[in-house]
N, C-alpha and C. Protein backbone atom coordinates (compact mmCIF):
# COMPACT_ATOMS: atom_id res chain seq x y z
N MET A 1 -78.34 -24.05 -37.38
CA MET A 1 -77.51 -25.03 -38.06
C MET A 1 -76.39 -25.48 -37.12
N ALA A 2 -76.09 -26.74 -37.15
CA ALA A 2 -75.06 -27.32 -36.28
C ALA A 2 -73.66 -26.90 -36.73
N LYS A 3 -72.76 -26.80 -35.76
CA LYS A 3 -71.37 -26.50 -36.07
C LYS A 3 -70.67 -27.75 -36.57
N VAL A 4 -69.83 -27.59 -37.57
CA VAL A 4 -69.00 -28.69 -38.05
C VAL A 4 -67.60 -28.47 -37.47
N ARG A 5 -67.10 -29.49 -36.81
CA ARG A 5 -65.76 -29.42 -36.23
C ARG A 5 -64.95 -30.61 -36.71
N VAL A 6 -63.70 -30.37 -37.01
CA VAL A 6 -62.79 -31.43 -37.43
C VAL A 6 -61.92 -31.80 -36.23
N ARG A 7 -61.88 -33.08 -35.92
CA ARG A 7 -61.06 -33.57 -34.81
C ARG A 7 -60.29 -34.80 -35.27
N THR A 8 -59.08 -34.93 -34.78
CA THR A 8 -58.25 -36.09 -35.07
C THR A 8 -58.15 -36.92 -33.80
N LEU A 9 -58.46 -38.21 -33.90
CA LEU A 9 -58.29 -39.12 -32.76
C LEU A 9 -56.83 -39.52 -32.68
N VAL A 10 -56.24 -39.34 -31.50
CA VAL A 10 -54.82 -39.64 -31.32
C VAL A 10 -54.60 -40.38 -30.01
N TYR A 11 -53.47 -41.07 -29.92
CA TYR A 11 -53.06 -41.67 -28.66
C TYR A 11 -52.65 -40.54 -27.70
N PRO A 12 -52.83 -40.73 -26.40
CA PRO A 12 -52.52 -39.66 -25.45
C PRO A 12 -51.10 -39.09 -25.60
N ALA A 13 -50.13 -39.92 -25.87
CA ALA A 13 -48.75 -39.45 -26.00
C ALA A 13 -48.55 -38.55 -27.22
N LYS A 14 -49.48 -38.61 -28.17
CA LYS A 14 -49.38 -37.81 -29.40
C LYS A 14 -50.18 -36.51 -29.34
N MET A 15 -50.87 -36.27 -28.21
CA MET A 15 -51.68 -35.06 -28.08
C MET A 15 -50.80 -33.81 -28.09
N THR A 16 -51.11 -32.89 -28.99
CA THR A 16 -50.40 -31.61 -29.04
C THR A 16 -51.34 -30.42 -29.02
N ASP A 17 -52.62 -30.63 -29.39
CA ASP A 17 -53.56 -29.52 -29.48
C ASP A 17 -54.98 -29.99 -29.16
N SER A 18 -55.44 -29.66 -27.98
CA SER A 18 -56.77 -30.13 -27.56
C SER A 18 -57.91 -29.47 -28.33
N ASN A 19 -57.62 -28.45 -29.12
CA ASN A 19 -58.65 -27.82 -29.96
C ASN A 19 -58.89 -28.59 -31.25
N THR A 20 -57.93 -29.40 -31.67
CA THR A 20 -58.08 -30.13 -32.93
C THR A 20 -57.96 -31.63 -32.77
N GLN A 21 -57.60 -32.09 -31.57
CA GLN A 21 -57.39 -33.52 -31.35
C GLN A 21 -58.22 -34.02 -30.18
N LEU A 22 -58.57 -35.29 -30.25
CA LEU A 22 -59.24 -35.99 -29.15
C LEU A 22 -58.44 -37.24 -28.84
N SER A 23 -58.19 -37.47 -27.57
CA SER A 23 -57.49 -38.68 -27.17
C SER A 23 -58.43 -39.88 -27.33
N VAL A 24 -57.90 -40.98 -27.84
CA VAL A 24 -58.69 -42.21 -27.94
C VAL A 24 -59.02 -42.76 -26.56
N MET A 25 -58.33 -42.28 -25.53
CA MET A 25 -58.58 -42.73 -24.16
C MET A 25 -59.61 -41.85 -23.44
N ALA A 26 -59.92 -40.70 -24.00
CA ALA A 26 -60.96 -39.85 -23.43
C ALA A 26 -62.31 -40.51 -23.69
N PRO A 27 -63.27 -40.33 -22.81
CA PRO A 27 -64.57 -40.98 -23.01
C PRO A 27 -65.20 -40.72 -24.38
N VAL A 28 -65.20 -39.48 -24.83
CA VAL A 28 -65.81 -39.19 -26.13
C VAL A 28 -64.95 -39.75 -27.27
N GLY A 29 -63.62 -39.73 -27.12
CA GLY A 29 -62.75 -40.31 -28.14
C GLY A 29 -62.99 -41.80 -28.29
N ALA A 30 -63.09 -42.49 -27.16
CA ALA A 30 -63.36 -43.93 -27.18
C ALA A 30 -64.73 -44.22 -27.79
N ALA A 31 -65.71 -43.35 -27.52
CA ALA A 31 -67.06 -43.54 -28.06
C ALA A 31 -67.08 -43.39 -29.58
N LEU A 32 -66.18 -42.59 -30.12
CA LEU A 32 -66.14 -42.38 -31.57
C LEU A 32 -65.41 -43.49 -32.32
N LEU A 33 -64.56 -44.24 -31.62
CA LEU A 33 -63.82 -45.32 -32.28
C LEU A 33 -64.78 -46.32 -32.91
N GLY A 34 -64.50 -46.68 -34.13
CA GLY A 34 -65.30 -47.69 -34.81
C GLY A 34 -66.51 -47.15 -35.55
N LEU A 35 -66.83 -45.86 -35.36
CA LEU A 35 -67.96 -45.30 -36.09
C LEU A 35 -67.59 -45.10 -37.55
N ARG A 36 -68.61 -45.15 -38.40
CA ARG A 36 -68.42 -44.96 -39.83
C ARG A 36 -69.10 -43.67 -40.26
N VAL A 37 -68.80 -43.24 -41.46
CA VAL A 37 -69.46 -42.04 -42.00
C VAL A 37 -70.97 -42.25 -41.94
N GLY A 38 -71.66 -41.26 -41.39
CA GLY A 38 -73.11 -41.33 -41.24
C GLY A 38 -73.56 -41.81 -39.88
N ASP A 39 -72.67 -42.46 -39.12
CA ASP A 39 -73.01 -42.89 -37.76
C ASP A 39 -73.07 -41.68 -36.84
N SER A 40 -73.88 -41.78 -35.81
CA SER A 40 -73.97 -40.69 -34.85
C SER A 40 -74.18 -41.24 -33.45
N ILE A 41 -73.86 -40.41 -32.48
CA ILE A 41 -74.08 -40.75 -31.07
C ILE A 41 -74.63 -39.50 -30.37
N HIS A 42 -75.35 -39.74 -29.31
CA HIS A 42 -75.76 -38.65 -28.41
C HIS A 42 -74.80 -38.73 -27.23
N TRP A 43 -74.29 -37.58 -26.82
CA TRP A 43 -73.25 -37.55 -25.82
C TRP A 43 -73.53 -36.46 -24.81
N GLU A 44 -73.22 -36.73 -23.56
CA GLU A 44 -73.35 -35.72 -22.52
C GLU A 44 -71.99 -35.10 -22.26
N LEU A 45 -71.90 -33.80 -22.50
CA LEU A 45 -70.66 -33.06 -22.28
C LEU A 45 -70.51 -32.73 -20.80
N PRO A 46 -69.29 -32.32 -20.40
CA PRO A 46 -69.12 -31.88 -19.02
C PRO A 46 -70.14 -30.79 -18.68
N GLY A 47 -70.67 -30.85 -17.51
CA GLY A 47 -71.69 -29.89 -17.11
C GLY A 47 -73.09 -30.35 -17.43
N GLY A 48 -73.20 -31.57 -17.99
CA GLY A 48 -74.52 -32.13 -18.26
C GLY A 48 -75.18 -31.68 -19.55
N VAL A 49 -74.44 -30.99 -20.41
CA VAL A 49 -75.01 -30.53 -21.68
C VAL A 49 -75.03 -31.69 -22.67
N ALA A 50 -76.21 -31.97 -23.22
CA ALA A 50 -76.34 -33.06 -24.20
C ALA A 50 -76.00 -32.54 -25.59
N THR A 51 -75.34 -33.37 -26.38
CA THR A 51 -75.00 -32.99 -27.74
C THR A 51 -75.16 -34.20 -28.66
N HIS A 52 -75.21 -33.93 -29.94
CA HIS A 52 -75.34 -34.96 -30.96
C HIS A 52 -74.07 -34.90 -31.80
N LEU A 53 -73.37 -36.01 -31.93
CA LEU A 53 -72.14 -36.08 -32.73
C LEU A 53 -72.38 -37.01 -33.90
N GLU A 54 -72.04 -36.54 -35.09
CA GLU A 54 -72.21 -37.34 -36.30
C GLU A 54 -70.90 -37.34 -37.08
N VAL A 55 -70.52 -38.50 -37.58
CA VAL A 55 -69.32 -38.62 -38.41
C VAL A 55 -69.72 -38.23 -39.83
N LEU A 56 -69.18 -37.10 -40.30
CA LEU A 56 -69.48 -36.62 -41.64
C LEU A 56 -68.48 -37.13 -42.67
N GLU A 57 -67.23 -37.31 -42.22
CA GLU A 57 -66.17 -37.71 -43.13
C GLU A 57 -65.02 -38.30 -42.32
N LEU A 58 -64.35 -39.27 -42.89
CA LEU A 58 -63.11 -39.80 -42.31
C LEU A 58 -61.99 -39.39 -43.25
N GLU A 59 -61.16 -38.46 -42.81
CA GLU A 59 -60.11 -37.95 -43.68
C GLU A 59 -58.96 -38.94 -43.84
N TYR A 60 -58.67 -39.67 -42.78
CA TYR A 60 -57.57 -40.64 -42.84
C TYR A 60 -57.87 -41.73 -41.83
N GLN A 61 -57.79 -42.94 -42.27
CA GLN A 61 -57.99 -44.08 -41.39
C GLN A 61 -56.78 -45.00 -41.55
N PRO A 62 -55.88 -45.04 -40.55
CA PRO A 62 -54.63 -45.78 -40.69
C PRO A 62 -54.80 -47.22 -41.15
N GLU A 63 -55.75 -47.94 -40.56
CA GLU A 63 -55.92 -49.35 -40.92
C GLU A 63 -56.33 -49.50 -42.38
N ALA A 64 -57.19 -48.64 -42.86
CA ALA A 64 -57.63 -48.71 -44.25
C ALA A 64 -56.48 -48.40 -45.21
N ALA A 65 -55.52 -47.60 -44.73
CA ALA A 65 -54.36 -47.25 -45.55
C ALA A 65 -53.22 -48.25 -45.38
N GLY A 66 -53.43 -49.29 -44.57
CA GLY A 66 -52.39 -50.29 -44.35
C GLY A 66 -51.32 -49.84 -43.37
N ASP A 67 -51.59 -48.79 -42.62
CA ASP A 67 -50.63 -48.23 -41.67
C ASP A 67 -50.95 -48.76 -40.27
N TYR A 68 -50.34 -49.87 -39.91
CA TYR A 68 -50.63 -50.52 -38.63
C TYR A 68 -49.60 -50.21 -37.55
N LEU A 69 -48.55 -49.50 -37.87
CA LEU A 69 -47.46 -49.27 -36.92
C LEU A 69 -47.37 -47.81 -36.51
N LEU A 70 -48.43 -47.31 -35.92
CA LEU A 70 -48.40 -45.90 -35.50
C LEU A 70 -47.66 -45.78 -34.24
């Protein structure tokens, strides 16, 4: 069974914990931008390891909440 991990996409200046956050400027963070629940991508991790990433849930989406001034 696949591991479920929760990650928050953040601007680089807001990074405080690389275990729970992904920078929107990192390649994988940028690849996740714009995905919707149920969307998935295949991604090559450092070292050439291939992985499958699927969006299971969006806990908070600033634009959908009307929060445009982050």
